[in-house]
Protein backbone atom coordinates (compact mmCIF):
# COMPACT_ATOMS: atom_id res chain seq x y z
CA MET A 1 -17.92 3.88 9.01
CA GLN A 2 -15.02 5.97 7.67
CA PRO A 3 -15.03 8.70 5.07
CA THR A 4 -13.80 7.57 1.72
CA ALA A 5 -11.47 10.55 1.38
CA GLU A 6 -7.82 9.72 1.75
CA PRO A 7 -6.01 11.18 4.76
CA THR A 8 -3.35 12.79 2.62
CA ARG A 9 -2.98 14.35 -0.80
CA VAL A 10 -1.15 12.52 -3.57
CA HIS A 11 1.51 14.45 -5.48
CA THR A 12 2.95 13.30 -8.78
CA HIS A 13 6.52 13.86 -7.53
CA ALA A 14 5.90 11.08 -4.99
CA GLN A 15 5.77 8.50 -7.77
CA HIS A 16 9.27 7.20 -7.02
CA ALA A 17 9.49 7.80 -3.26
CA ALA A 18 10.09 4.80 -0.97
CA LEU A 19 6.94 2.67 -0.67
CA ARG A 20 5.99 1.08 2.63
CA PHE A 21 3.64 -1.85 2.10
CA LEU A 22 2.32 -4.73 4.16
CA THR A 23 1.35 -8.22 3.15
CA ALA A 24 -1.67 -9.83 4.79
CA GLY A 25 -4.05 -12.74 4.33
CA SER A 26 -5.00 -16.04 5.88
CA VAL A 27 -2.63 -18.62 7.34
CA ASP A 28 -0.51 -20.37 4.68
CA ASP A 29 -1.60 -18.03 1.89
CA GLY A 30 2.07 -17.60 1.01
CA LYS A 31 2.83 -14.16 2.40
CA SER A 32 6.34 -14.98 3.59
CA THR A 33 7.09 -16.87 0.39
CA LEU A 34 5.93 -13.89 -1.68
CA ILE A 35 8.24 -11.54 0.19
CA GLY A 36 11.06 -14.03 -0.13
CA ARG A 37 10.43 -14.18 -3.87
CA LEU A 38 10.58 -10.38 -4.12
CA LEU A 39 13.85 -10.30 -2.19
CA TYR A 40 15.37 -13.22 -4.11
CA ASP A 41 14.37 -12.19 -7.63
CA SER A 42 15.31 -8.55 -7.06
CA ARG A 43 18.78 -9.70 -5.92
CA ALA A 44 18.38 -8.05 -2.54
CA LEU A 45 20.02 -10.91 -0.61
CA MET A 46 23.58 -11.06 0.64
CA THR A 47 25.77 -14.09 -0.02
CA ASP A 48 25.58 -15.25 3.58
CA GLN A 49 21.76 -15.01 3.47
CA LEU A 50 21.70 -17.18 0.35
CA ASP A 51 24.03 -19.71 1.98
CA THR A 52 21.83 -19.88 5.07
CA LEU A 53 18.74 -20.23 2.90
CA ARG A 54 20.26 -23.13 0.97
CA ARG A 55 21.35 -24.85 4.18
CA HIS A 56 17.91 -24.75 5.77
CA SER A 57 15.86 -25.53 2.66
CA ARG A 58 14.90 -29.13 1.96
CA GLY A 59 15.68 -30.55 -1.42
CA ASP A 60 16.57 -28.47 -4.46
CA ALA A 61 13.78 -25.92 -4.04
CA LEU A 62 14.54 -22.93 -1.82
CA ASP A 63 12.15 -22.31 1.07
CA LEU A 64 11.83 -18.56 0.58
CA SER A 65 9.54 -18.17 3.62
CA LEU A 66 12.61 -18.65 5.83
CA LEU A 67 13.74 -15.16 4.87
CA THR A 68 10.96 -13.60 6.97
CA ASP A 69 9.90 -16.23 9.51
CA GLY A 70 12.69 -15.27 11.88
CA LEU A 71 11.33 -16.39 15.26
CA GLU A 72 12.04 -19.95 16.35
CA ALA A 73 8.35 -20.52 17.10
CA GLU A 74 7.49 -19.33 13.59
CA ARG A 75 9.86 -21.82 12.00
CA GLU A 76 8.64 -24.66 14.20
CA GLN A 77 4.95 -24.01 13.67
CA GLY A 78 5.19 -22.83 10.07
CA ILE A 79 3.26 -19.64 10.76
CA THR A 80 4.04 -15.94 11.08
CA ILE A 81 3.53 -14.58 14.61
CA ASP A 82 5.22 -11.20 14.74
CA VAL A 83 5.49 -8.51 12.08
CA ALA A 84 8.74 -8.91 10.12
CA TYR A 85 10.18 -5.96 8.21
CA ARG A 86 12.38 -6.30 5.15
CA TYR A 87 13.96 -3.80 2.77
CA PHE A 88 14.86 -3.97 -0.91
CA ALA A 89 15.21 -1.68 -3.87
CA THR A 90 14.84 -1.72 -7.64
CA PRO A 91 16.19 0.84 -10.11
CA ARG A 92 12.82 2.62 -9.88
CA ARG A 93 12.05 2.60 -6.15
CA LYS A 94 12.95 1.60 -2.59
CA PHE A 95 10.59 -0.63 -0.60
CA ILE A 96 9.92 -1.35 3.06
CA ILE A 97 7.85 -4.53 3.50
CA ALA A 98 5.91 -5.67 6.57
CA ASP A 99 4.98 -9.35 6.70
CA ALA A 100 1.83 -9.42 8.88
CA PRO A 101 0.51 -12.59 10.60
CA GLY A 102 -2.42 -14.34 8.98
CA HIS A 103 -3.95 -16.09 12.00
CA GLU A 104 -6.97 -14.32 13.50
CA GLN A 105 -5.28 -14.43 16.91
CA TYR A 106 -2.60 -12.06 15.61
CA THR A 107 -4.81 -9.64 13.70
CA ARG A 108 -3.70 -6.91 16.12
CA ASN A 109 -0.16 -7.28 14.71
CA MET A 110 -1.58 -6.57 11.27
CA VAL A 111 -3.02 -3.32 12.61
CA THR A 112 0.48 -2.41 13.80
CA ALA A 113 1.87 -3.13 10.34
CA ALA A 114 -0.83 -1.00 8.71
CA ALA A 115 0.25 2.07 10.66
CA GLY A 116 2.30 4.14 8.25
CA SER A 117 1.90 1.78 5.28
CA HIS A 118 1.25 3.27 1.87
CA ALA A 119 -0.16 0.05 0.42
CA ALA A 120 -1.49 -3.33 1.49
CA VAL A 121 -1.05 -6.53 -0.51
CA VAL A 122 -3.76 -8.97 0.60
CA LEU A 123 -3.07 -12.51 -0.56
CA VAL A 124 -5.88 -14.80 -1.64
CA ASP A 125 -4.97 -18.51 -1.77
CA VAL A 126 -6.93 -19.82 -4.73
CA THR A 127 -6.49 -23.44 -3.56
CA LYS A 128 -8.50 -22.76 -0.37
CA LEU A 129 -11.58 -21.54 -2.22
CA ASP A 130 -14.46 -23.59 -3.58
CA LEU A 131 -14.14 -22.68 -7.25
CA SER A 132 -17.25 -24.68 -8.13
CA ARG A 133 -19.43 -22.11 -6.35
CA ARG A 134 -20.66 -18.94 -7.99
CA PRO A 135 -20.03 -16.49 -6.62
CA VAL A 136 -16.85 -17.72 -4.97
CA GLU A 137 -16.94 -17.19 -1.20
CA LEU A 138 -13.88 -15.38 0.16
CA LEU A 139 -12.24 -16.40 3.42
CA PRO A 140 -13.12 -14.30 6.52
CA GLN A 141 -9.51 -13.21 7.04
CA THR A 142 -9.31 -11.93 3.46
CA ARG A 143 -12.31 -9.71 4.10
CA ARG A 144 -11.11 -8.73 7.57
CA HIS A 145 -7.63 -7.71 6.47
CA ALA A 146 -8.91 -5.78 3.46
CA LEU A 147 -11.42 -3.93 5.63
CA LEU A 148 -8.84 -3.21 8.32
CA ALA A 149 -6.40 -1.79 5.80
CA HIS A 150 -9.15 0.35 4.29
CA ARG A 151 -10.50 1.57 7.65
CA LEU A 152 -6.99 2.30 8.92
CA GLY A 153 -6.42 4.62 5.99
CA VAL A 154 -3.96 2.58 3.90
CA PRO A 155 -4.20 4.46 0.56
CA HIS A 156 -3.65 1.56 -1.87
CA LEU A 157 -5.09 -1.97 -1.66
CA VAL A 158 -3.78 -4.73 -3.94
CA PHE A 159 -5.13 -8.29 -4.08
CA ALA A 160 -2.62 -10.99 -5.06
CA VAL A 161 -4.42 -14.18 -6.15
CA ASN A 162 -1.72 -16.66 -5.16
CA LYS A 163 -0.94 -20.29 -6.11
CA ILE A 164 -2.48 -19.77 -9.52
CA ASP A 165 -0.11 -22.48 -10.79
CA ALA A 166 -1.79 -25.07 -8.57
CA VAL A 167 -5.18 -25.08 -10.34
CA ALA A 168 -6.07 -26.82 -13.56
CA ASP A 169 -7.59 -23.81 -15.34
CA ALA A 170 -5.77 -20.71 -14.13
CA GLY A 171 -7.77 -18.35 -16.32
CA ALA A 172 -11.16 -19.57 -15.12
CA ALA A 173 -10.02 -19.60 -11.49
CA TYR A 174 -8.67 -16.07 -11.73
CA ALA A 175 -11.86 -14.81 -13.38
CA ALA A 176 -14.04 -16.31 -10.64
CA VAL A 177 -11.90 -14.95 -7.78
CA HIS A 178 -11.59 -11.58 -9.53
CA ALA A 179 -15.38 -11.31 -9.72
CA ALA A 180 -15.73 -12.20 -6.02
CA LEU A 181 -13.12 -9.61 -5.01
CA GLU A 182 -14.72 -6.91 -7.15
CA ALA A 183 -18.14 -7.63 -5.63
CA PHE A 184 -16.70 -7.51 -2.11
CA ALA A 185 -14.83 -4.28 -2.81
CA GLN A 186 -17.97 -2.62 -4.18
CA ARG A 187 -19.99 -3.60 -1.11
CA ALA A 188 -17.20 -2.48 1.23
CA GLY A 189 -16.76 0.87 -0.49
CA LEU A 190 -13.13 0.37 -1.48
CA THR A 191 -11.33 0.52 -4.82
CA PRO A 192 -8.48 -1.97 -5.36
CA ALA A 193 -5.36 -0.66 -7.06
CA GLY A 194 -5.04 -4.05 -8.75
CA ILE A 195 -5.96 -7.75 -8.65
CA VAL A 196 -2.93 -9.74 -9.82
CA PRO A 197 -2.71 -13.53 -10.39
CA VAL A 198 0.64 -14.76 -9.01
CA SER A 199 2.59 -17.82 -8.00
CA ALA A 200 4.93 -16.85 -5.16
CA LEU A 201 6.48 -20.32 -5.29
CA ARG A 202 7.44 -20.17 -8.99
CA GLY A 203 7.61 -16.39 -9.32
CA ASP A 204 4.85 -16.06 -11.93
CA ASN A 205 3.74 -12.42 -12.26
CA VAL A 206 5.69 -11.42 -9.16
CA ILE A 207 8.62 -9.89 -11.00
CA SER A 208 8.54 -11.80 -14.28
CA PRO A 209 5.31 -11.84 -16.34
CA ALA A 210 3.54 -15.14 -16.94
CA PRO A 211 0.47 -15.63 -19.15
CA VAL A 212 -2.90 -16.06 -17.42
CA ASN A 213 -6.02 -15.96 -19.58
CA GLY A 214 -8.07 -12.87 -18.81
CA TYR A 215 -5.22 -10.87 -17.25
CA ASP A 216 -3.16 -8.38 -19.22
CA GLY A 217 -2.03 -6.10 -16.39
CA PRO A 218 1.40 -5.50 -14.85
CA THR A 219 3.35 -7.81 -12.60
CA LEU A 220 2.98 -7.28 -8.88
CA LEU A 221 6.35 -5.54 -8.63
CA ALA A 222 5.61 -3.27 -11.59
CA LEU A 223 2.30 -2.31 -9.99
CA LEU A 224 4.00 -1.52 -6.68
CA GLU A 225 6.63 0.53 -8.48
CA SER A 226 3.89 2.64 -10.04
CA LEU A 227 1.86 3.44 -6.91
CA PRO A 228 2.18 7.07 -5.79
CA VAL A 229 3.19 7.71 -2.19
CA PRO A 230 0.78 10.10 -0.45
CA THR A 231 2.31 13.18 1.15
CA PRO A 232 0.69 15.43 3.77
CA ALA A 233 -1.33 18.31 2.40
CA ALA A 234 0.85 21.42 2.44
CA GLU A 235 -2.06 23.88 2.33
CA ALA A 236 -3.59 22.74 5.65
CA PRO A 237 -2.90 24.84 8.79
CA TRP A 238 0.37 23.72 10.31
CA ARG A 239 0.40 21.61 13.47
CA LEU A 240 3.36 20.11 15.32
CA PRO A 241 3.14 17.64 18.24
CA VAL A 242 6.02 18.42 20.60
CA GLN A 243 8.14 15.33 21.20
CA TRP A 244 10.78 16.98 23.36
CA VAL A 245 12.20 20.38 24.27
CA ALA A 246 15.96 20.93 24.42
CA ARG A 247 18.47 23.74 24.52
CA SER A 248 20.68 24.22 21.49
CA GLY A 249 23.79 26.41 21.50
CA ASP A 250 24.67 28.60 18.53
CA GLY A 251 28.36 29.06 19.39
CA THR A 252 27.87 32.49 21.01
CA GLY A 253 26.80 31.25 24.40
CA HIS A 254 23.12 31.74 23.63
CA GLN A 255 21.12 28.55 24.18
CA PRO A 256 17.53 28.93 22.96
CA ARG A 257 14.89 26.33 23.78
CA VAL A 258 14.02 24.27 20.71
CA CYS A 259 10.67 22.48 20.44
CA TRP A 260 11.26 19.30 18.43
CA GLY A 261 8.72 17.13 16.66
CA ARG A 262 7.49 15.91 13.28
CA LEU A 263 5.34 18.46 11.50
CA ALA A 264 1.94 16.78 11.16
CA THR A 265 0.30 19.11 8.65
CA GLY A 266 0.91 22.26 6.65
CA THR A 267 3.96 24.45 6.18
CA VAL A 268 5.64 26.62 8.84
CA ARG A 269 7.95 29.56 8.11
CA VAL A 270 10.17 31.84 10.14
CA GLY A 271 8.00 34.70 11.39
CA ASP A 272 4.77 32.67 11.54
CA ALA A 273 2.45 33.15 14.51
CA VAL A 274 2.30 30.23 16.97
CA THR A 275 -0.40 29.07 19.38
CA VAL A 276 0.50 26.59 22.12
CA PHE A 277 -2.03 23.90 23.02
CA PRO A 278 -3.36 23.50 25.68
CA SER A 279 -2.10 26.71 27.32
CA GLY A 280 -3.33 28.98 24.52
CA GLU A 281 -0.22 31.19 24.78
CA THR A 282 1.06 32.81 21.61
CA ALA A 283 4.45 33.57 20.11
CA ARG A 284 6.27 33.76 16.78
CA VAL A 285 8.75 31.42 15.10
CA THR A 286 12.24 32.98 15.07
CA ASP A 287 14.20 29.96 13.89
CA ILE A 288 13.53 26.53 12.32
CA ARG A 289 16.06 23.74 12.76
CA HIS A 290 16.43 20.69 10.56
CA HIS A 291 16.76 17.38 12.44
CA ALA A 292 20.49 17.47 11.63
CA GLY A 293 20.76 20.82 13.41
CA ALA A 294 21.05 23.15 10.40
CA ALA A 295 18.80 26.21 10.18
CA ILE A 296 16.12 26.16 7.47
CA ALA A 297 13.62 28.79 6.35
CA VAL A 298 10.60 26.52 5.85
CA GLY A 299 9.35 23.32 7.48
CA GLU A 300 7.03 21.04 5.53
CA ALA A 301 4.59 18.36 6.66
CA GLY A 302 6.36 15.07 7.37
CA GLN A 303 9.69 16.68 8.31
CA SER A 304 11.23 16.33 11.76
CA ILE A 305 12.06 19.89 12.79
CA GLY A 306 12.73 22.07 15.79
CA LEU A 307 11.10 25.45 16.36
CA VAL A 308 12.61 28.35 18.31
CA LEU A 309 10.06 30.86 19.62
CA ASP A 310 10.51 34.55 20.33
CA ARG A 311 9.21 34.12 23.87
CA ALA A 312 10.18 31.77 26.71
CA LEU A 313 6.91 29.85 27.03
CA ASP A 314 6.17 26.78 29.14
CA VAL A 315 6.16 24.14 26.40
CA SER A 316 6.77 20.44 27.12
CA ARG A 317 6.37 16.99 25.60
CA GLY A 318 2.76 16.31 24.71
CA ASP A 319 1.91 19.92 23.87
CA TRP A 320 1.01 21.01 20.36
CA LEU A 321 2.23 24.03 18.42
CA GLY A 322 0.20 25.33 15.52
CA ALA A 323 -1.11 28.18 13.46
CA PRO A 324 -3.70 30.41 15.18
CA SER A 325 -7.08 28.63 15.38
CA ALA A 326 -5.56 25.38 14.03
CA LEU A 327 -5.76 23.59 17.39
CA GLN A 328 -9.31 23.37 18.72
CA GLY A 329 -9.69 21.15 21.78
CA GLN A 330 -12.52 18.63 22.01
CA ARG A 331 -13.67 16.56 24.98
CA ARG A 332 -16.06 14.35 22.98
CA PHE A 333 -15.63 13.00 19.47
CA HIS A 334 -16.84 10.32 17.08
CA ALA A 335 -14.41 7.59 16.01
CA THR A 336 -13.98 4.27 14.29
CA VAL A 337 -12.27 1.76 16.58
CA ALA A 338 -10.30 -1.40 15.81
CA TRP A 339 -10.38 -3.37 19.07
CA LEU A 340 -7.23 -5.44 19.68
CA ASP A 341 -7.56 -6.68 23.26
CA THR A 342 -8.92 -10.01 24.47
CA ASP A 343 -10.74 -8.04 27.18
CA PRO A 344 -13.77 -6.51 25.46
CA ALA A 345 -14.29 -2.78 25.09
CA ALA A 346 -16.65 -1.76 27.87
CA ILE A 347 -18.85 1.32 27.85
CA GLY A 348 -17.87 3.70 30.64
CA ARG A 349 -14.60 2.01 31.55
CA ARG A 350 -11.58 4.30 31.94
CA TYR A 351 -8.66 3.89 29.52
CA TRP A 352 -5.49 5.78 28.77
CA LEU A 353 -5.52 7.44 25.35
CA ARG A 354 -2.45 8.63 23.50
CA HIS A 355 -2.81 11.44 20.97
CA GLY A 356 0.44 12.63 19.45
CA HIS A 357 2.77 12.51 22.45
CA ARG A 358 0.09 13.35 25.01
CA TRP A 359 -1.56 10.88 27.40
CA VAL A 360 -5.04 11.56 28.78
CA GLN A 361 -7.72 9.51 30.49
CA GLY A 362 -10.81 8.75 28.49
CA ARG A 363 -13.73 6.40 28.14
CA ILE A 364 -16.01 4.96 25.50
CA ALA A 365 -19.28 6.76 26.13
CA THR A 366 -21.35 4.95 23.49
CA ILE A 367 -20.93 2.05 21.09
CA GLU A 368 -23.02 2.89 18.04
CA HIS A 369 -22.49 -0.41 16.27
CA ARG A 370 -20.12 -3.21 15.33
CA LEU A 371 -19.31 -4.03 11.72
CA ASP A 372 -20.28 -7.57 10.71
CA ILE A 373 -17.30 -8.86 8.71
CA ASP A 374 -19.48 -11.35 6.80
CA THR A 375 -22.36 -9.08 5.78
CA LEU A 376 -20.48 -5.74 5.97
CA GLU A 377 -23.54 -4.38 7.77
CA PRO A 378 -23.54 -2.49 11.10
CA VAL A 379 -25.09 -4.43 13.97
CA ASP A 380 -26.05 -3.30 17.47
CA ALA A 381 -23.44 -4.14 20.08
CA ALA A 382 -23.08 -3.65 23.83
CA HIS A 383 -19.35 -4.34 23.68
CA LEU A 384 -16.57 -4.94 21.16
CA GLY A 385 -14.45 -8.08 21.22
CA VAL A 386 -10.95 -8.76 19.95
CA ASN A 387 -10.52 -7.93 16.22
CA ASP A 388 -13.90 -6.18 16.06
CA LEU A 389 -14.41 -2.97 14.11
CA GLY A 390 -16.94 -0.54 15.48
CA ARG A 391 -18.07 3.05 15.71
CA VAL A 392 -18.04 4.81 19.07
CA TRP A 393 -18.33 8.11 20.90
CA VAL A 394 -15.29 8.88 23.06
CA GLU A 395 -15.06 11.25 26.01
CA VAL A 396 -11.72 12.47 27.40
CA ALA A 397 -10.78 14.11 30.72
CA GLU A 398 -8.81 16.88 28.99
CA PRO A 399 -9.50 18.52 25.61
CA LEU A 400 -7.53 17.14 22.68
CA PRO A 401 -6.92 18.93 19.34
CA VAL A 402 -8.28 16.08 17.24
CA SER A 403 -9.33 16.39 13.63
CA PRO A 404 -10.79 13.87 11.14
CA PHE A 405 -8.38 11.06 10.30
CA ALA A 406 -9.35 11.45 6.65
CA GLU A 407 -7.77 14.90 6.72
CA SER A 408 -4.70 14.16 8.84
CA ALA A 409 -3.52 10.84 10.25
CA PRO A 410 -1.29 12.32 13.02
CA THR A 411 -4.07 14.48 14.44
CA GLY A 412 -6.88 11.98 13.84
CA ALA A 413 -5.40 8.78 15.28
CA LEU A 414 -5.22 7.65 18.92
CA ILE A 415 -4.27 4.45 20.70
CA VAL A 416 -6.18 3.01 23.66
CA VAL A 417 -4.24 1.44 26.54
CA ASP A 418 -5.71 -0.60 29.39
CA PRO A 419 -4.49 1.00 32.65
CA ALA A 420 -4.62 -2.32 34.52
CA THR A 421 -2.74 -4.55 32.07
CA HIS A 422 -0.85 -1.84 30.10
CA ARG A 423 -1.86 -3.63 26.90
CA THR A 424 -2.64 -1.68 23.76
CA SER A 425 -6.39 -2.29 23.61
CA GLY A 426 -7.46 -0.47 20.47
CA ALA A 427 -6.85 2.06 17.72
CA LEU A 428 -9.16 5.05 17.30
CA LEU A 429 -9.65 6.95 14.05
CA VAL A 430 -11.54 10.20 14.45
CA ASP A 431 -14.53 10.54 12.10
């Protein structure tokens, strides 16, 4: 359904950049406890947080899941409902963690967490699997979350085989689950960055190594510290979605119009030619502003910058600026869709689509197929239900400068909004 190429190029200098990763899996797989263990063992907690944790934990053992299950309903029900973000750092790297819900009802929240993540840690609760079967059958949510992360372009996928301390023969259990995960990954066309046996409750192989027969790899934290962070390809033609246009004084009374946004691809320099989409008007870059206001000579992909043009053009939020011929509008394109709404995706129904900062009307012209999570095979479908993955043709009322998601996430991703309910109905990834 989606090209195997990664949407961005990996540079070696990104080895120690901040890593954004999400945790996902089925209900009660131990996601919140794993994050709590990372925060606790890395000494990322304040004294007042530790005091609160000790007060609310029962008995001598600390309930580390309380560090992320922040909503009252989450604490009462013992489940994660909303995405919780936490931050910590080690001497080697900074981390931003997203704790995604495990229940199928909240899979759409996991899609939200996947946006912008560099890695996904999918937990597999070894105690929920029938280890007497060969091959071991994985839970549907394990497959669904791994596929979602892969289809949504998360560069690195890590499986954490959790609760390895709760089985009699940890080595045999890990070997059986490892084989099942490898077979699934091969069928799904994905390559795991690692399959690590852990105990989030005790901390085995989370930060501190613990022996498990058949595993001689790094701890989970060491693996995460080693993963390179993808950075946008600098050699691609530059494109910038305009977020807002403002006047900026230079102290002489002159107030040029500055087009602000985050550079999606490529590198832009003072003097470069500019094409405005959709008007097609042209100009040249006379000044580049850093987000702090200082003038810079070069803007690189991923930076938030402001561009000053040599002509007073009609540019507004939702427009795109780019190198000549870099912005080609399309009214019909092929895409992978992750459907998030309880109302099914209907062929021909009008939706609002957001691309960059631009809103246009569009519709699903054709549903090619739906992906069967169990068999990983495409099946014919007249509609797509909540949490379905499918492949569709999309038609829009106004041309959009889309490009394949595998080449550029900012230009290849769109969200679908129901005009009647204003709910986010789906995520589109241009093929």
